[in-house]
Amino acid sequence: MKLQPLGDRIIVEPIEETSKSGFVVPETMDKEKPQRGKIVSCGPGKRDDNGNVVPMNVKVGDVIIFRKYAPDEFKIDKEEFMILSESDVIAVVK
């Protein structure tokens, strides 16, 4: 990934939703935004009141669940990505 997010931001590649029978739900169907994704790049972390960098709790490669309307979406070379703050991450999928 050529992008380096700043502060406590992360860049996420959305994970396509599949139906219970294993079919990928096409984008043409009326569906909600993805809430799962794989982290492809992380910022260094947020600064505290003393100016010290607080390390991130997530890392590149983690699959996460995040708040539905938190991410900003963008495309690079026809690939879709999302950027959001670490505070918008609800859980890491183990």
PDB file of N, CA and C in Angstrom:
ATOM      1  N   MET A   1       0.853  -1.179   0.000  1.00  0.00           N
ATOM      2  CA  MET A   1       0.000   0.000   0.000  1.00  0.00           C
ATOM      3  C   MET A   1       0.891   1.231   0.000  1.00  0.00           C
ATOM      4  N   LYS A   2       0.639   2.138  -0.919  1.00  0.00           N
ATOM      5  CA  LYS A   2       1.452   3.341  -1.047  1.00  0.00           C
ATOM      6  C   LYS A   2       0.978   4.463  -0.144  1.00  0.00           C
ATOM      7  N   LEU A   3      -0.182   4.316   0.479  1.00  0.00           N
ATOM      8  CA  LEU A   3      -0.713   5.348   1.359  1.00  0.00           C
ATOM      9  C   LEU A   3      -0.320   5.083   2.797  1.00  0.00           C
ATOM     10  N   GLN A   4       0.102   6.120   3.496  1.00  0.00           N
ATOM     11  CA  GLN A   4       0.417   6.021   4.922  1.00  0.00           C
ATOM     12  C   GLN A   4      -0.574   6.908   5.668  1.00  0.00           C
ATOM     13  N   PRO A   5      -1.553   6.308   6.355  1.00  0.00           N
ATOM     14  CA  PRO A   5      -2.505   7.131   7.096  1.00  0.00           C
ATOM     15  C   PRO A   5      -1.834   7.847   8.261  1.00  0.00           C
ATOM     16  N   LEU A   6      -2.403   8.965   8.655  1.00  0.00           N
ATOM     17  CA  LEU A   6      -1.859   9.771   9.739  1.00  0.00           C
ATOM     18  C   LEU A   6      -2.587   9.477  11.046  1.00  0.00           C
ATOM     19  N   GLY A   7      -1.901   9.736  12.149  1.00  0.00           N
ATOM     20  CA  GLY A   7      -2.517   9.603  13.469  1.00  0.00           C
ATOM     21  C   GLY A   7      -3.055   8.210  13.732  1.00  0.00           C
ATOM     22  N   ASP A   8      -4.312   8.155  14.200  1.00  0.00           N
ATOM     23  CA  ASP A   8      -4.912   6.864  14.548  1.00  0.00           C
ATOM     24  C   ASP A   8      -5.836   6.348  13.446  1.00  0.00           C
ATOM     25  N   ARG A   9      -5.544   6.715  12.210  1.00  0.00           N
ATOM     26  CA  ARG A   9      -6.391   6.271  11.099  1.00  0.00           C
ATOM     27  C   ARG A   9      -5.857   4.970  10.504  1.00  0.00           C
ATOM     28  N   ILE A  10      -6.794   4.203   9.946  1.00  0.00           N
ATOM     29  CA  ILE A  10      -6.443   2.935   9.302  1.00  0.00           C
ATOM     30  C   ILE A  10      -7.106   2.867   7.931  1.00  0.00           C
ATOM     31  N   ILE A  11      -6.452   2.183   7.013  1.00  0.00           N
ATOM     32  CA  ILE A  11      -7.013   1.951   5.686  1.00  0.00           C
ATOM     33  C   ILE A  11      -7.435   0.492   5.629  1.00  0.00           C
ATOM     34  N   VAL A  12      -8.681   0.297   5.197  1.00  0.00           N
ATOM     35  CA  VAL A  12      -9.305  -1.019   5.240  1.00  0.00           C
ATOM     36  C   VAL A  12      -9.784  -1.403   3.851  1.00  0.00           C
ATOM     37  N   GLU A  13      -9.572  -2.665   3.505  1.00  0.00           N
ATOM     38  CA  GLU A  13     -10.128  -3.226   2.284  1.00  0.00           C
ATOM     39  C   GLU A  13     -11.431  -3.916   2.680  1.00  0.00           C
ATOM     40  N   PRO A  14     -12.578  -3.500   2.114  1.00  0.00           N
ATOM     41  CA  PRO A  14     -13.843  -4.103   2.521  1.00  0.00           C
ATOM     42  C   PRO A  14     -13.898  -5.587   2.171  1.00  0.00           C
ATOM     43  N   ILE A  15     -14.565  -6.337   3.019  1.00  0.00           N
ATOM     44  CA  ILE A  15     -14.784  -7.768   2.775  1.00  0.00           C
ATOM     45  C   ILE A  15     -16.196  -7.910   2.238  1.00  0.00           C
ATOM     46  N   GLU A  16     -16.317  -8.525   1.063  1.00  0.00           N
ATOM     47  CA  GLU A  16     -17.627  -8.690   0.441  1.00  0.00           C
ATOM     48  C   GLU A  16     -18.504  -9.569   1.309  1.00  0.00           C
ATOM     49  N   GLU A  17     -19.751  -9.161   1.434  1.00  0.00           N
ATOM     50  CA  GLU A  17     -20.711  -9.931   2.207  1.00  0.00           C
ATOM     51  C   GLU A  17     -21.179 -11.122   1.371  1.00  0.00           C
ATOM     52  N   THR A  18     -21.361 -12.246   2.011  1.00  0.00           N
ATOM     53  CA  THR A  18     -21.880 -13.429   1.338  1.00  0.00           C
ATOM     54  C   THR A  18     -23.174 -13.853   2.003  1.00  0.00           C
ATOM     55  N   SER A  19     -24.013 -14.505   1.239  1.00  0.00           N
ATOM     56  CA  SER A  19     -25.261 -15.012   1.808  1.00  0.00           C
ATOM     57  C   SER A  19     -24.954 -16.259   2.628  1.00  0.00           C
ATOM     58  N   LYS A  20     -25.944 -16.740   3.367  1.00  0.00           N
ATOM     59  CA  LYS A  20     -25.752 -17.940   4.190  1.00  0.00           C
ATOM     60  C   LYS A  20     -25.418 -19.163   3.347  1.00  0.00           C
ATOM     61  N   SER A  21     -25.857 -19.152   2.086  1.00  0.00           N
ATOM     62  CA  SER A  21     -25.566 -20.296   1.213  1.00  0.00           C
ATOM     63  C   SER A  21     -24.225 -20.141   0.496  1.00  0.00           C
ATOM     64  N   GLY A  22     -23.519 -19.021   0.741  1.00  0.00           N
ATOM     65  CA  GLY A  22     -22.183 -18.851   0.186  1.00  0.00           C
ATOM     66  C   GLY A  22     -22.098 -17.994  -1.052  1.00  0.00           C
ATOM     67  N   PHE A  23     -23.213 -17.445  -1.510  1.00  0.00           N
ATOM     68  CA  PHE A  23     -23.194 -16.593  -2.693  1.00  0.00           C
ATOM     69  C   PHE A  23     -22.785 -15.174  -2.313  1.00  0.00           C
ATOM     70  N   VAL A  24     -21.972 -14.562  -3.167  1.00  0.00           N
ATOM     71  CA  VAL A  24     -21.589 -13.167  -2.958  1.00  0.00           C
ATOM     72  C   VAL A  24     -22.772 -12.294  -3.361  1.00  0.00           C
ATOM     73  N   VAL A  25     -23.149 -11.369  -2.491  1.00  0.00           N
ATOM     74  CA  VAL A  25     -24.265 -10.471  -2.773  1.00  0.00           C
ATOM     75  C   VAL A  25     -23.767  -9.388  -3.723  1.00  0.00           C
ATOM     76  N   PRO A  26     -24.335  -9.284  -4.948  1.00  0.00           N
ATOM     77  CA  PRO A  26     -23.849  -8.298  -5.914  1.00  0.00           C
ATOM     78  C   PRO A  26     -24.148  -6.879  -5.469  1.00  0.00           C
ATOM     79  N   GLU A  27     -23.315  -5.935  -5.952  1.00  0.00           N
ATOM     80  CA  GLU A  27     -23.483  -4.529  -5.590  1.00  0.00           C
ATOM     81  C   GLU A  27     -24.777  -3.948  -6.122  1.00  0.00           C
ATOM     82  N   THR A  28     -25.357  -4.558  -7.154  1.00  0.00           N
ATOM     83  CA  THR A  28     -26.580  -4.016  -7.740  1.00  0.00           C
ATOM     84  C   THR A  28     -27.780  -4.217  -6.823  1.00  0.00           C
ATOM     85  N   MET A  29     -27.689  -5.145  -5.894  1.00  0.00           N
ATOM     86  CA  MET A  29     -28.790  -5.349  -4.954  1.00  0.00           C
ATOM     87  C   MET A  29     -28.739  -4.258  -3.887  1.00  0.00           C
ATOM     88  N   ASP A  30     -29.896  -3.905  -3.361  1.00  0.00           N
ATOM     89  CA  ASP A  30     -29.967  -2.901  -2.301  1.00  0.00           C
ATOM     90  C   ASP A  30     -29.460  -3.528  -1.011  1.00  0.00           C
ATOM     91  N   LYS A  31     -28.256  -3.174  -0.644  1.00  0.00           N
ATOM     92  CA  LYS A  31     -27.669  -3.715   0.576  1.00  0.00           C
ATOM     93  C   LYS A  31     -26.979  -2.602   1.337  1.00  0.00           C
ATOM     94  N   GLU A  32     -26.712  -2.860   2.596  1.00  0.00           N
ATOM     95  CA  GLU A  32     -26.056  -1.860   3.425  1.00  0.00           C
ATOM     96  C   GLU A  32     -24.553  -1.906   3.188  1.00  0.00           C
ATOM     97  N   LYS A  33     -23.880  -0.853   3.644  1.00  0.00           N
ATOM     98  CA  LYS A  33     -22.430  -0.778   3.515  1.00  0.00           C
ATOM     99  C   LYS A  33     -21.775  -1.916   4.294  1.00  0.00           C
ATOM    100  N   PRO A  34     -20.607  -2.364   3.833  1.00  0.00           N
ATOM    101  CA  PRO A  34     -19.890  -3.397   4.582  1.00  0.00           C
ATOM    102  C   PRO A  34     -19.497  -2.895   5.965  1.00  0.00           C
ATOM    103  N   GLN A  35     -19.487  -3.808   6.908  1.00  0.00           N
ATOM    104  CA  GLN A  35     -19.069  -3.467   8.260  1.00  0.00           C
ATOM    105  C   GLN A  35     -17.859  -4.290   8.674  1.00  0.00           C
ATOM    106  N   ARG A  36     -17.305  -5.028   7.728  1.00  0.00           N
ATOM    107  CA  ARG A  36     -16.119  -5.834   7.986  1.00  0.00           C
ATOM    108  C   ARG A  36     -15.071  -5.489   6.950  1.00  0.00           C
ATOM    109  N   GLY A  37     -13.819  -5.588   7.358  1.00  0.00           N
ATOM    110  CA  GLY A  37     -12.753  -5.334   6.417  1.00  0.00           C
ATOM    111  C   GLY A  37     -11.421  -5.807   6.948  1.00  0.00           C
ATOM    112  N   LYS A  38     -10.444  -5.835   6.051  1.00  0.00           N
ATOM    113  CA  LYS A  38      -9.086  -6.242   6.400  1.00  0.00           C
ATOM    114  C   LYS A  38      -8.200  -5.004   6.357  1.00  0.00           C
ATOM    115  N   ILE A  39      -7.430  -4.790   7.423  1.00  0.00           N
ATOM    116  CA  ILE A  39      -6.560  -3.630   7.509  1.00  0.00           C
ATOM    117  C   ILE A  39      -5.371  -3.808   6.570  1.00  0.00           C
ATOM    118  N   VAL A  40      -5.150  -2.799   5.703  1.00  0.00           N
ATOM    119  CA  VAL A  40      -4.017  -2.853   4.772  1.00  0.00           C
ATOM    120  C   VAL A  40      -2.933  -1.836   5.114  1.00  0.00           C
ATOM    121  N   SER A  41      -3.263  -0.845   5.962  1.00  0.00           N
ATOM    122  CA  SER A  41      -2.269   0.137   6.382  1.00  0.00           C
ATOM    123  C   SER A  41      -2.747   0.826   7.656  1.00  0.00           C
ATOM    124  N   CYS A  42      -1.816   1.141   8.546  1.00  0.00           N
ATOM    125  CA  CYS A  42      -2.135   1.795   9.825  1.00  0.00           C
ATOM    126  C   CYS A  42      -1.250   3.014  10.028  1.00  0.00           C
ATOM    127  N   GLY A  43      -1.824   4.018  10.669  1.00  0.00           N
ATOM    128  CA  GLY A  43      -1.040   5.173  11.086  1.00  0.00           C
ATOM    129  C   GLY A  43      -0.229   4.804  12.321  1.00  0.00           C
ATOM    130  N   PRO A  44       0.619   5.712  12.795  1.00  0.00           N
ATOM    131  CA  PRO A  44       1.473   5.416  13.945  1.00  0.00           C
ATOM    132  C   PRO A  44       0.721   5.378  15.267  1.00  0.00           C
ATOM    133  N   GLY A  45      -0.411   6.067  15.354  1.00  0.00           N
ATOM    134  CA  GLY A  45      -1.179   6.126  16.590  1.00  0.00           C
ATOM    135  C   GLY A  45      -1.513   7.555  16.942  1.00  0.00           C
ATOM    136  N   LYS A  46      -2.386   7.711  17.902  1.00  0.00           N
ATOM    137  CA  LYS A  46      -2.840   9.029  18.337  1.00  0.00           C
ATOM    138  C   LYS A  46      -1.870   9.606  19.366  1.00  0.00           C
ATOM    139  N   ARG A  47      -1.746  10.913  19.385  1.00  0.00           N
ATOM    140  CA  ARG A  47      -0.888  11.570  20.380  1.00  0.00           C
ATOM    141  C   ARG A  47      -1.701  11.888  21.626  1.00  0.00           C
ATOM    142  N   ASP A  48      -1.090  11.676  22.800  1.00  0.00           N
ATOM    143  CA  ASP A  48      -1.755  12.019  24.060  1.00  0.00           C
ATOM    144  C   ASP A  48      -1.519  13.492  24.392  1.00  0.00           C
ATOM    145  N   ASP A  49      -1.982  13.922  25.551  1.00  0.00           N
ATOM    146  CA  ASP A  49      -1.863  15.335  25.938  1.00  0.00           C
ATOM    147  C   ASP A  49      -0.419  15.808  26.089  1.00  0.00           C
ATOM    148  N   ASN A  50       0.508  14.871  26.308  1.00  0.00           N
ATOM    149  CA  ASN A  50       1.928  15.214  26.457  1.00  0.00           C
ATOM    150  C   ASN A  50       2.697  15.129  25.141  1.00  0.00           C
ATOM    151  N   GLY A  51       2.003  14.781  24.056  1.00  0.00           N
ATOM    152  CA  GLY A  51       2.653  14.692  22.753  1.00  0.00           C
ATOM    153  C   GLY A  51       3.237  13.325  22.440  1.00  0.00           C
ATOM    154  N   ASN A  52       3.074  12.361  23.351  1.00  0.00           N
ATOM    155  CA  ASN A  52       3.576  11.005  23.125  1.00  0.00           C
ATOM    156  C   ASN A  52       2.613  10.226  22.238  1.00  0.00           C
ATOM    157  N   VAL A  53       3.149   9.413  21.350  1.00  0.00           N
ATOM    158  CA  VAL A  53       2.323   8.601  20.462  1.00  0.00           C
ATOM    159  C   VAL A  53       1.837   7.373  21.229  1.00  0.00           C
ATOM    160  N   VAL A  54       0.520   7.198  21.265  1.00  0.00           N
ATOM    161  CA  VAL A  54      -0.086   6.011  21.878  1.00  0.00           C
ATOM    162  C   VAL A  54      -0.213   4.973  20.768  1.00  0.00           C
ATOM    163  N   PRO A  55       0.455   3.811  20.891  1.00  0.00           N
ATOM    164  CA  PRO A  55       0.427   2.815  19.816  1.00  0.00           C
ATOM    165  C   PRO A  55      -0.975   2.295  19.521  1.00  0.00           C
ATOM    166  N   MET A  56      -1.158   1.856  18.303  1.00  0.00           N
ATOM    167  CA  MET A  56      -2.443   1.312  17.852  1.00  0.00           C
ATOM    168  C   MET A  56      -2.683  -0.064  18.482  1.00  0.00           C
ATOM    169  N   ASN A  57      -3.960  -0.399  18.691  1.00  0.00           N
ATOM    170  CA  ASN A  57      -4.351  -1.719  19.189  1.00  0.00           C
ATOM    171  C   ASN A  57      -4.602  -2.703  18.050  1.00  0.00           C
ATOM    172  N   VAL A  58      -4.633  -2.204  16.818  1.00  0.00           N
ATOM    173  CA  VAL A  58      -4.846  -3.051  15.644  1.00  0.00           C
ATOM    174  C   VAL A  58      -3.595  -3.007  14.783  1.00  0.00           C
ATOM    175  N   LYS A  59      -3.496  -3.974  13.860  1.00  0.00           N
ATOM    176  CA  LYS A  59      -2.309  -4.023  13.000  1.00  0.00           C
ATOM    177  C   LYS A  59      -2.706  -4.455  11.589  1.00  0.00           C
ATOM    178  N   VAL A  60      -1.804  -4.265  10.653  1.00  0.00           N
ATOM    179  CA  VAL A  60      -2.026  -4.678   9.270  1.00  0.00           C
ATOM    180  C   VAL A  60      -2.313  -6.176   9.249  1.00  0.00           C
ATOM    181  N   GLY A  61      -3.351  -6.552   8.513  1.00  0.00           N
ATOM    182  CA  GLY A  61      -3.746  -7.958   8.400  1.00  0.00           C
ATOM    183  C   GLY A  61      -4.926  -8.326   9.280  1.00  0.00           C
ATOM    184  N   ASP A  62      -5.215  -7.514  10.307  1.00  0.00           N
ATOM    185  CA  ASP A  62      -6.368  -7.796  11.169  1.00  0.00           C
ATOM    186  C   ASP A  62      -7.660  -7.646  10.378  1.00  0.00           C
ATOM    187  N   VAL A  63      -8.608  -8.545  10.638  1.00  0.00           N
ATOM    188  CA  VAL A  63      -9.964  -8.418  10.108  1.00  0.00           C
ATOM    189  C   VAL A  63     -10.779  -7.770  11.219  1.00  0.00           C
ATOM    190  N   ILE A  64     -11.454  -6.679  10.879  1.00  0.00           N
ATOM    191  CA  ILE A  64     -12.148  -5.901  11.896  1.00  0.00           C
ATOM    192  C   ILE A  64     -13.632  -5.735  11.573  1.00  0.00           C
ATOM    193  N   ILE A  65     -14.384  -5.414  12.602  1.00  0.00           N
ATOM    194  CA  ILE A  65     -15.773  -4.996  12.469  1.00  0.00           C
ATOM    195  C   ILE A  65     -15.797  -3.541  12.918  1.00  0.00           C
ATOM    196  N   PHE A  66     -16.444  -2.686  12.135  1.00  0.00           N
ATOM    197  CA  PHE A  66     -16.431  -1.259  12.436  1.00  0.00           C
ATOM    198  C   PHE A  66     -17.828  -0.668  12.329  1.00  0.00           C
ATOM    199  N   ARG A  67     -17.967   0.544  12.831  1.00  0.00           N
ATOM    200  CA  ARG A  67     -19.251   1.252  12.802  1.00  0.00           C
ATOM    201  C   ARG A  67     -19.707   1.446  11.362  1.00  0.00           C
ATOM    202  N   LYS A  68     -20.985   1.249  11.136  1.00  0.00           N
ATOM    203  CA  LYS A  68     -21.567   1.241   9.794  1.00  0.00           C
ATOM    204  C   LYS A  68     -21.296   2.510   8.988  1.00  0.00           C
ATOM    205  N   TYR A  69     -21.469   3.672   9.581  1.00  0.00           N
ATOM    206  CA  TYR A  69     -21.364   4.914   8.817  1.00  0.00           C
ATOM    207  C   TYR A  69     -20.069   5.672   9.077  1.00  0.00           C
ATOM    208  N   ALA A  70     -19.095   5.029   9.707  1.00  0.00           N
ATOM    209  CA  ALA A  70     -17.843   5.697  10.067  1.00  0.00           C
ATOM    210  C   ALA A  70     -16.883   5.907   8.898  1.00  0.00           C
ATOM    211  N   PRO A  71     -16.697   4.932   8.009  1.00  0.00           N
ATOM    212  CA  PRO A  71     -15.607   5.081   7.033  1.00  0.00           C
ATOM    213  C   PRO A  71     -15.908   6.039   5.896  1.00  0.00           C
ATOM    214  N   ASP A  72     -14.827   6.625   5.387  1.00  0.00           N
ATOM    215  CA  ASP A  72     -14.865   7.368   4.126  1.00  0.00           C
ATOM    216  C   ASP A  72     -14.352   6.412   3.063  1.00  0.00           C
ATOM    217  N   GLU A  73     -15.043   6.337   1.936  1.00  0.00           N
ATOM    218  CA  GLU A  73     -14.681   5.396   0.882  1.00  0.00           C
ATOM    219  C   GLU A  73     -13.902   6.105  -0.215  1.00  0.00           C
ATOM    220  N   PHE A  74     -12.948   5.377  -0.830  1.00  0.00           N
ATOM    221  CA  PHE A  74     -12.195   5.908  -1.961  1.00  0.00           C
ATOM    222  C   PHE A  74     -11.679   4.755  -2.806  1.00  0.00           C
ATOM    223  N   LYS A  75     -11.250   5.069  -4.037  1.00  0.00           N
ATOM    224  CA  LYS A  75     -10.719   4.064  -4.954  1.00  0.00           C
ATOM    225  C   LYS A  75      -9.307   4.457  -5.362  1.00  0.00           C
ATOM    226  N   ILE A  76      -8.451   3.436  -5.503  1.00  0.00           N
ATOM    227  CA  ILE A  76      -7.116   3.596  -6.063  1.00  0.00           C
ATOM    228  C   ILE A  76      -6.938   2.462  -7.060  1.00  0.00           C
ATOM    229  N   ASP A  77      -6.649   2.808  -8.297  1.00  0.00           N
ATOM    230  CA  ASP A  77      -6.472   1.809  -9.357  1.00  0.00           C
ATOM    231  C   ASP A  77      -7.625   0.809  -9.399  1.00  0.00           C
ATOM    232  N   LYS A  78      -8.849   1.318  -9.331  1.00  0.00           N
ATOM    233  CA  LYS A  78     -10.091   0.532  -9.418  1.00  0.00           C
ATOM    234  C   LYS A  78     -10.333  -0.378  -8.214  1.00  0.00           C
ATOM    235  N   GLU A  79      -9.500  -0.296  -7.179  1.00  0.00           N
ATOM    236  CA  GLU A  79      -9.721  -1.058  -5.952  1.00  0.00           C
ATOM    237  C   GLU A  79     -10.377  -0.146  -4.927  1.00  0.00           C
ATOM    238  N   GLU A  80     -11.359  -0.685  -4.203  1.00  0.00           N
ATOM    239  CA  GLU A  80     -12.073   0.099  -3.211  1.00  0.00           C
ATOM    240  C   GLU A  80     -11.435  -0.055  -1.835  1.00  0.00           C
ATOM    241  N   PHE A  81     -11.319   1.068  -1.132  1.00  0.00           N
ATOM    242  CA  PHE A  81     -10.776   1.091   0.222  1.00  0.00           C
ATOM    243  C   PHE A  81     -11.628   1.998   1.083  1.00  0.00           C
ATOM    244  N   MET A  82     -11.441   1.893   2.374  1.00  0.00           N
ATOM    245  CA  MET A  82     -12.101   2.760   3.339  1.00  0.00           C
ATOM    246  C   MET A  82     -11.048   3.261   4.316  1.00  0.00           C
ATOM    247  N   ILE A  83     -11.270   4.458   4.838  1.00  0.00           N
ATOM    248  CA  ILE A  83     -10.379   4.984   5.862  1.00  0.00           C
ATOM    249  C   ILE A  83     -11.238   5.372   7.061  1.00  0.00           C
ATOM    250  N   LEU A  84     -10.791   4.996   8.244  1.00  0.00           N
ATOM    251  CA  LEU A  84     -11.519   5.307   9.457  1.00  0.00           C
ATOM    252  C   LEU A  84     -10.555   5.420  10.620  1.00  0.00           C
ATOM    253  N   SER A  85     -11.028   5.960  11.724  1.00  0.00           N
ATOM    254  CA  SER A  85     -10.218   6.083  12.930  1.00  0.00           C
ATOM    255  C   SER A  85     -10.278   4.792  13.732  1.00  0.00           C
ATOM    256  N   GLU A  86      -9.237   4.540  14.496  1.00  0.00           N
ATOM    257  CA  GLU A  86      -9.206   3.341  15.323  1.00  0.00           C
ATOM    258  C   GLU A  86     -10.388   3.316  16.297  1.00  0.00           C
ATOM    259  N   SER A  87     -10.857   4.472  16.730  1.00  0.00           N
ATOM    260  CA  SER A  87     -11.981   4.521  17.666  1.00  0.00           C
ATOM    261  C   SER A  87     -13.283   4.040  17.055  1.00  0.00           C
ATOM    262  N   ASP A  88     -13.350   3.948  15.700  1.00  0.00           N
ATOM    263  CA  ASP A  88     -14.551   3.435  15.028  1.00  0.00           C
ATOM    264  C   ASP A  88     -14.534   1.913  14.916  1.00  0.00           C
ATOM    265  N   VAL A  89     -13.438   1.281  15.296  1.00  0.00           N
ATOM    266  CA  VAL A  89     -13.345  -0.184  15.258  1.00  0.00           C
ATOM    267  C   VAL A  89     -14.064  -0.728  16.486  1.00  0.00           C
ATOM    268  N   ILE A  90     -14.982  -1.665  16.253  1.00  0.00           N
ATOM    269  CA  ILE A  90     -15.750  -2.258  17.341  1.00  0.00           C
ATOM    270  C   ILE A  90     -15.076  -3.520  17.863  1.00  0.00           C
ATOM    271  N   ALA A  91     -14.490  -4.320  16.941  1.00  0.00           N
ATOM    272  CA  ALA A  91     -13.879  -5.578  17.358  1.00  0.00           C
ATOM    273  C   ALA A  91     -12.891  -6.067  16.293  1.00  0.00           C
ATOM    274  N   VAL A  92     -11.961  -6.915  16.745  1.00  0.00           N
ATOM    275  CA  VAL A  92     -11.055  -7.624  15.847  1.00  0.00           C
ATOM    276  C   VAL A  92     -11.532  -9.069  15.798  1.00  0.00           C
ATOM    277  N   VAL A  93     -11.690  -9.598  14.571  1.00  0.00           N
ATOM    278  CA  VAL A  93     -12.156 -10.975  14.382  1.00  0.00           C
ATOM    279  C   VAL A  93     -10.952 -11.893  14.533  1.00  0.00           C
ATOM    280  N   LYS A  94     -11.010 -12.811  15.475  1.00  0.00           N
ATOM    281  CA  LYS A  94      -9.908 -13.749  15.713  1.00  0.00           C
ATOM    282  C   LYS A  94     -10.153 -15.059  15.031  1.00  0.00           C
TER     283      LYS A  94
END
